[in-house]
Amino acid sequence: MPHLLAYDIADNARRYQIARVLLDYGERVQESVFWLDIDAELCERMWKRLRHIIADDQDVVWLVPVCRSCAKDVQTAGTTRVPEAVEFYVI
């Protein structure tokens, strides 16, 4: 299932760690926004990894599921695009 993940991480080191984890699961579409097309098991695994990095009192992370039907209707403008689904990611 596609997901849109956005974050605001207060610390540079944690921000870098978060981005490195997210690159294992999806594609960066903006500086702090990732498009993830992952199943429930991968989503849970990713979330556990992120929770070990996130500082609950300083950081913000949003993970928004996007139904496949709605994902087809996502509109973009400028130099971005909606990433195509990939068969797998190497984790």
N, C-alpha and C. Protein backbone atom coordinates (compact mmCIF):
# COMPACT_ATOMS: atom_id res chain seq x y z
N MET A 1 0.84 -1.18 0.00
CA MET A 1 0.00 0.00 0.00
C MET A 1 0.88 1.24 0.00
N PRO A 2 0.56 2.22 -0.81
CA PRO A 2 1.35 3.46 -0.82
C PRO A 2 1.15 4.25 0.49
N HIS A 3 2.19 4.91 0.90
CA HIS A 3 2.16 5.80 2.06
C HIS A 3 2.94 7.07 1.71
N LEU A 4 2.54 8.16 2.30
CA LEU A 4 3.28 9.40 2.23
C LEU A 4 3.81 9.65 3.63
N LEU A 5 5.11 9.82 3.77
CA LEU A 5 5.71 10.08 5.07
C LEU A 5 6.41 11.43 5.03
N ALA A 6 6.09 12.27 6.00
CA ALA A 6 6.71 13.59 6.11
C ALA A 6 7.28 13.74 7.52
N TYR A 7 8.40 14.42 7.62
CA TYR A 7 9.00 14.58 8.94
C TYR A 7 9.60 15.97 9.12
N ASP A 8 9.70 16.34 10.38
CA ASP A 8 10.40 17.55 10.81
C ASP A 8 11.24 17.11 12.01
N ILE A 9 12.51 16.89 11.77
CA ILE A 9 13.42 16.36 12.79
C ILE A 9 14.34 17.48 13.25
N ALA A 10 14.38 17.71 14.54
CA ALA A 10 15.09 18.86 15.10
C ALA A 10 16.62 18.75 15.01
N ASP A 11 17.15 17.56 15.08
CA ASP A 11 18.59 17.34 15.14
C ASP A 11 19.14 16.83 13.80
N ASN A 12 20.23 17.41 13.34
CA ASN A 12 20.82 17.02 12.04
C ASN A 12 21.19 15.54 11.99
N ALA A 13 21.79 15.02 13.04
CA ALA A 13 22.20 13.61 13.04
C ALA A 13 20.99 12.69 12.97
N ARG A 14 19.95 12.99 13.75
CA ARG A 14 18.73 12.16 13.69
C ARG A 14 18.05 12.29 12.33
N ARG A 15 18.03 13.50 11.77
CA ARG A 15 17.42 13.72 10.45
C ARG A 15 18.13 12.86 9.40
N TYR A 16 19.44 12.81 9.45
CA TYR A 16 20.22 12.00 8.52
C TYR A 16 19.90 10.51 8.71
N GLN A 17 19.81 10.06 9.95
CA GLN A 17 19.48 8.67 10.24
C GLN A 17 18.09 8.31 9.71
N ILE A 18 17.13 9.19 9.94
CA ILE A 18 15.75 8.96 9.46
C ILE A 18 15.75 8.82 7.94
N ALA A 19 16.40 9.73 7.26
CA ALA A 19 16.44 9.69 5.79
C ALA A 19 17.09 8.41 5.30
N ARG A 20 18.16 7.96 5.95
CA ARG A 20 18.83 6.72 5.53
C ARG A 20 17.91 5.52 5.69
N VAL A 21 17.17 5.48 6.78
CA VAL A 21 16.20 4.38 6.98
C VAL A 21 15.14 4.43 5.90
N LEU A 22 14.59 5.60 5.64
CA LEU A 22 13.49 5.72 4.69
C LEU A 22 13.92 5.36 3.27
N LEU A 23 15.16 5.61 2.92
CA LEU A 23 15.64 5.22 1.59
C LEU A 23 15.64 3.71 1.39
N ASP A 24 15.61 2.95 2.47
CA ASP A 24 15.49 1.50 2.39
C ASP A 24 14.08 1.07 1.99
N TYR A 25 13.10 1.97 2.13
CA TYR A 25 11.70 1.59 1.95
C TYR A 25 10.98 2.35 0.83
N GLY A 26 11.56 3.44 0.38
CA GLY A 26 10.86 4.21 -0.63
C GLY A 26 11.73 5.26 -1.26
N GLU A 27 11.08 6.24 -1.84
CA GLU A 27 11.78 7.27 -2.61
C GLU A 27 11.50 8.65 -2.03
N ARG A 28 12.56 9.44 -1.94
CA ARG A 28 12.42 10.82 -1.47
C ARG A 28 11.78 11.63 -2.60
N VAL A 29 10.68 12.33 -2.29
CA VAL A 29 10.02 13.16 -3.29
C VAL A 29 10.18 14.64 -2.99
N GLN A 30 10.52 14.97 -1.76
CA GLN A 30 10.91 16.32 -1.37
C GLN A 30 11.91 16.16 -0.24
N GLU A 31 12.48 17.25 0.22
CA GLU A 31 13.55 17.16 1.21
C GLU A 31 13.16 16.32 2.43
N SER A 32 11.98 16.52 2.96
CA SER A 32 11.54 15.79 4.16
C SER A 32 10.27 14.99 3.91
N VAL A 33 10.08 14.54 2.68
CA VAL A 33 8.88 13.79 2.31
C VAL A 33 9.29 12.58 1.48
N PHE A 34 8.74 11.43 1.85
CA PHE A 34 9.03 10.19 1.14
C PHE A 34 7.73 9.55 0.66
N TRP A 35 7.79 8.90 -0.51
CA TRP A 35 6.71 8.09 -1.04
C TRP A 35 7.13 6.64 -0.82
N LEU A 36 6.31 5.90 -0.07
CA LEU A 36 6.63 4.51 0.27
C LEU A 36 5.53 3.62 -0.27
N ASP A 37 5.87 2.61 -1.03
CA ASP A 37 4.88 1.64 -1.50
C ASP A 37 5.25 0.31 -0.88
N ILE A 38 4.77 0.09 0.35
CA ILE A 38 5.19 -1.06 1.14
C ILE A 38 3.97 -1.77 1.72
N ASP A 39 4.15 -3.06 2.00
CA ASP A 39 3.06 -3.81 2.61
C ASP A 39 3.07 -3.59 4.13
N ALA A 40 2.10 -4.16 4.81
CA ALA A 40 1.93 -3.95 6.25
C ALA A 40 3.14 -4.41 7.05
N GLU A 41 3.73 -5.55 6.65
CA GLU A 41 4.89 -6.07 7.37
C GLU A 41 6.09 -5.13 7.26
N LEU A 42 6.37 -4.65 6.05
CA LEU A 42 7.49 -3.71 5.87
C LEU A 42 7.21 -2.39 6.58
N CYS A 43 5.96 -1.97 6.56
CA CYS A 43 5.60 -0.73 7.24
C CYS A 43 5.87 -0.84 8.74
N GLU A 44 5.49 -1.95 9.32
CA GLU A 44 5.73 -2.16 10.74
C GLU A 44 7.22 -2.20 11.05
N ARG A 45 7.98 -2.89 10.22
CA ARG A 45 9.43 -2.98 10.41
C ARG A 45 10.07 -1.59 10.32
N MET A 46 9.65 -0.82 9.31
CA MET A 46 10.18 0.53 9.13
C MET A 46 9.85 1.40 10.34
N TRP A 47 8.60 1.34 10.77
CA TRP A 47 8.15 2.18 11.89
C TRP A 47 8.94 1.87 13.15
N LYS A 48 9.22 0.60 13.40
CA LYS A 48 10.03 0.22 14.57
C LYS A 48 11.42 0.82 14.47
N ARG A 49 12.00 0.78 13.29
CA ARG A 49 13.34 1.37 13.11
C ARG A 49 13.30 2.87 13.37
N LEU A 50 12.27 3.54 12.86
CA LEU A 50 12.16 4.99 13.05
C LEU A 50 11.95 5.35 14.52
N ARG A 51 11.14 4.56 15.23
CA ARG A 51 10.84 4.86 16.63
C ARG A 51 12.09 4.83 17.50
N HIS A 52 13.11 4.07 17.09
CA HIS A 52 14.36 4.04 17.84
C HIS A 52 15.19 5.30 17.64
N ILE A 53 14.86 6.08 16.63
CA ILE A 53 15.62 7.29 16.30
C ILE A 53 14.89 8.55 16.75
N ILE A 54 13.60 8.58 16.61
CA ILE A 54 12.79 9.78 16.84
C ILE A 54 12.82 10.20 18.31
N ALA A 55 13.00 11.48 18.53
CA ALA A 55 12.90 12.07 19.88
C ALA A 55 11.47 12.58 20.03
N ASP A 56 10.68 11.89 20.83
CA ASP A 56 9.26 12.22 20.96
C ASP A 56 9.00 13.65 21.42
N ASP A 57 9.91 14.23 22.16
CA ASP A 57 9.71 15.58 22.67
C ASP A 57 10.21 16.67 21.72
N GLN A 58 10.80 16.28 20.57
CA GLN A 58 11.36 17.28 19.66
C GLN A 58 10.96 17.10 18.19
N ASP A 59 10.66 15.88 17.79
CA ASP A 59 10.48 15.57 16.38
C ASP A 59 9.02 15.33 16.01
N VAL A 60 8.73 15.43 14.72
CA VAL A 60 7.39 15.17 14.20
C VAL A 60 7.53 14.26 12.98
N VAL A 61 6.76 13.17 12.95
CA VAL A 61 6.74 12.28 11.80
C VAL A 61 5.28 11.94 11.51
N TRP A 62 4.89 12.11 10.26
CA TRP A 62 3.54 11.75 9.80
C TRP A 62 3.67 10.62 8.79
N LEU A 63 2.91 9.56 9.00
CA LEU A 63 2.84 8.45 8.05
C LEU A 63 1.38 8.33 7.62
N VAL A 64 1.12 8.64 6.36
CA VAL A 64 -0.26 8.71 5.86
C VAL A 64 -0.47 7.63 4.80
N PRO A 65 -1.35 6.66 5.07
CA PRO A 65 -1.65 5.66 4.04
C PRO A 65 -2.44 6.30 2.90
N VAL A 66 -2.15 5.85 1.69
CA VAL A 66 -2.84 6.34 0.50
C VAL A 66 -3.40 5.12 -0.23
N CYS A 67 -4.71 5.05 -0.39
CA CYS A 67 -5.27 3.88 -1.08
C CYS A 67 -4.80 3.88 -2.54
N ARG A 68 -4.73 2.71 -3.13
CA ARG A 68 -4.24 2.58 -4.51
C ARG A 68 -5.07 3.43 -5.47
N SER A 69 -6.37 3.47 -5.26
CA SER A 69 -7.24 4.27 -6.12
C SER A 69 -6.89 5.75 -6.02
N CYS A 70 -6.68 6.22 -4.80
CA CYS A 70 -6.32 7.63 -4.59
C CYS A 70 -4.91 7.93 -5.12
N ALA A 71 -4.01 6.96 -4.99
CA ALA A 71 -2.63 7.16 -5.46
C ALA A 71 -2.60 7.44 -6.95
N LYS A 72 -3.52 6.85 -7.69
CA LYS A 72 -3.58 7.09 -9.13
C LYS A 72 -3.95 8.53 -9.45
N ASP A 73 -4.62 9.20 -8.51
CA ASP A 73 -5.10 10.57 -8.74
C ASP A 73 -4.18 11.64 -8.15
N VAL A 74 -3.03 11.24 -7.60
CA VAL A 74 -2.09 12.22 -7.05
C VAL A 74 -1.61 13.11 -8.18
N GLN A 75 -1.62 14.40 -7.92
CA GLN A 75 -1.16 15.38 -8.92
C GLN A 75 0.11 16.04 -8.42
N THR A 76 1.02 16.28 -9.32
CA THR A 76 2.26 16.97 -8.98
C THR A 76 2.48 18.09 -9.98
N ALA A 77 3.34 19.02 -9.61
CA ALA A 77 3.70 20.12 -10.51
C ALA A 77 5.18 20.41 -10.31
N GLY A 78 5.76 21.03 -11.27
CA GLY A 78 7.17 21.37 -11.17
C GLY A 78 8.05 20.19 -11.55
N THR A 79 9.18 20.07 -10.88
CA THR A 79 10.18 19.07 -11.27
C THR A 79 9.98 17.73 -10.58
N THR A 80 8.90 17.53 -9.90
CA THR A 80 8.67 16.28 -9.18
C THR A 80 7.75 15.36 -9.99
N ARG A 81 7.62 14.15 -9.52
CA ARG A 81 6.72 13.17 -10.14
C ARG A 81 6.31 12.17 -9.07
N VAL A 82 5.24 11.45 -9.32
CA VAL A 82 4.83 10.37 -8.43
C VAL A 82 5.69 9.16 -8.77
N PRO A 83 6.43 8.63 -7.80
CA PRO A 83 7.28 7.48 -8.09
C PRO A 83 6.46 6.27 -8.54
N GLU A 84 7.04 5.50 -9.43
CA GLU A 84 6.41 4.26 -9.87
C GLU A 84 6.66 3.18 -8.82
N ALA A 85 5.72 2.26 -8.71
CA ALA A 85 5.89 1.14 -7.79
C ALA A 85 7.05 0.29 -8.26
N VAL A 86 7.82 -0.19 -7.29
CA VAL A 86 8.93 -1.09 -7.60
C VAL A 86 8.60 -2.47 -7.06
N GLU A 87 9.21 -3.46 -7.62
CA GLU A 87 8.93 -4.83 -7.19
C GLU A 87 9.45 -5.11 -5.78
N PHE A 88 10.62 -4.54 -5.43
CA PHE A 88 11.18 -4.79 -4.11
C PHE A 88 12.25 -3.75 -3.81
N TYR A 89 12.54 -3.62 -2.52
CA TYR A 89 13.65 -2.82 -2.06
C TYR A 89 14.61 -3.74 -1.33
N VAL A 90 15.88 -3.51 -1.43
CA VAL A 90 16.87 -4.30 -0.71
C VAL A 90 17.05 -3.66 0.66
N ILE A 91 16.79 -4.45 1.69
CA ILE A 91 16.87 -3.93 3.06
C ILE A 91 17.93 -4.69 3.82
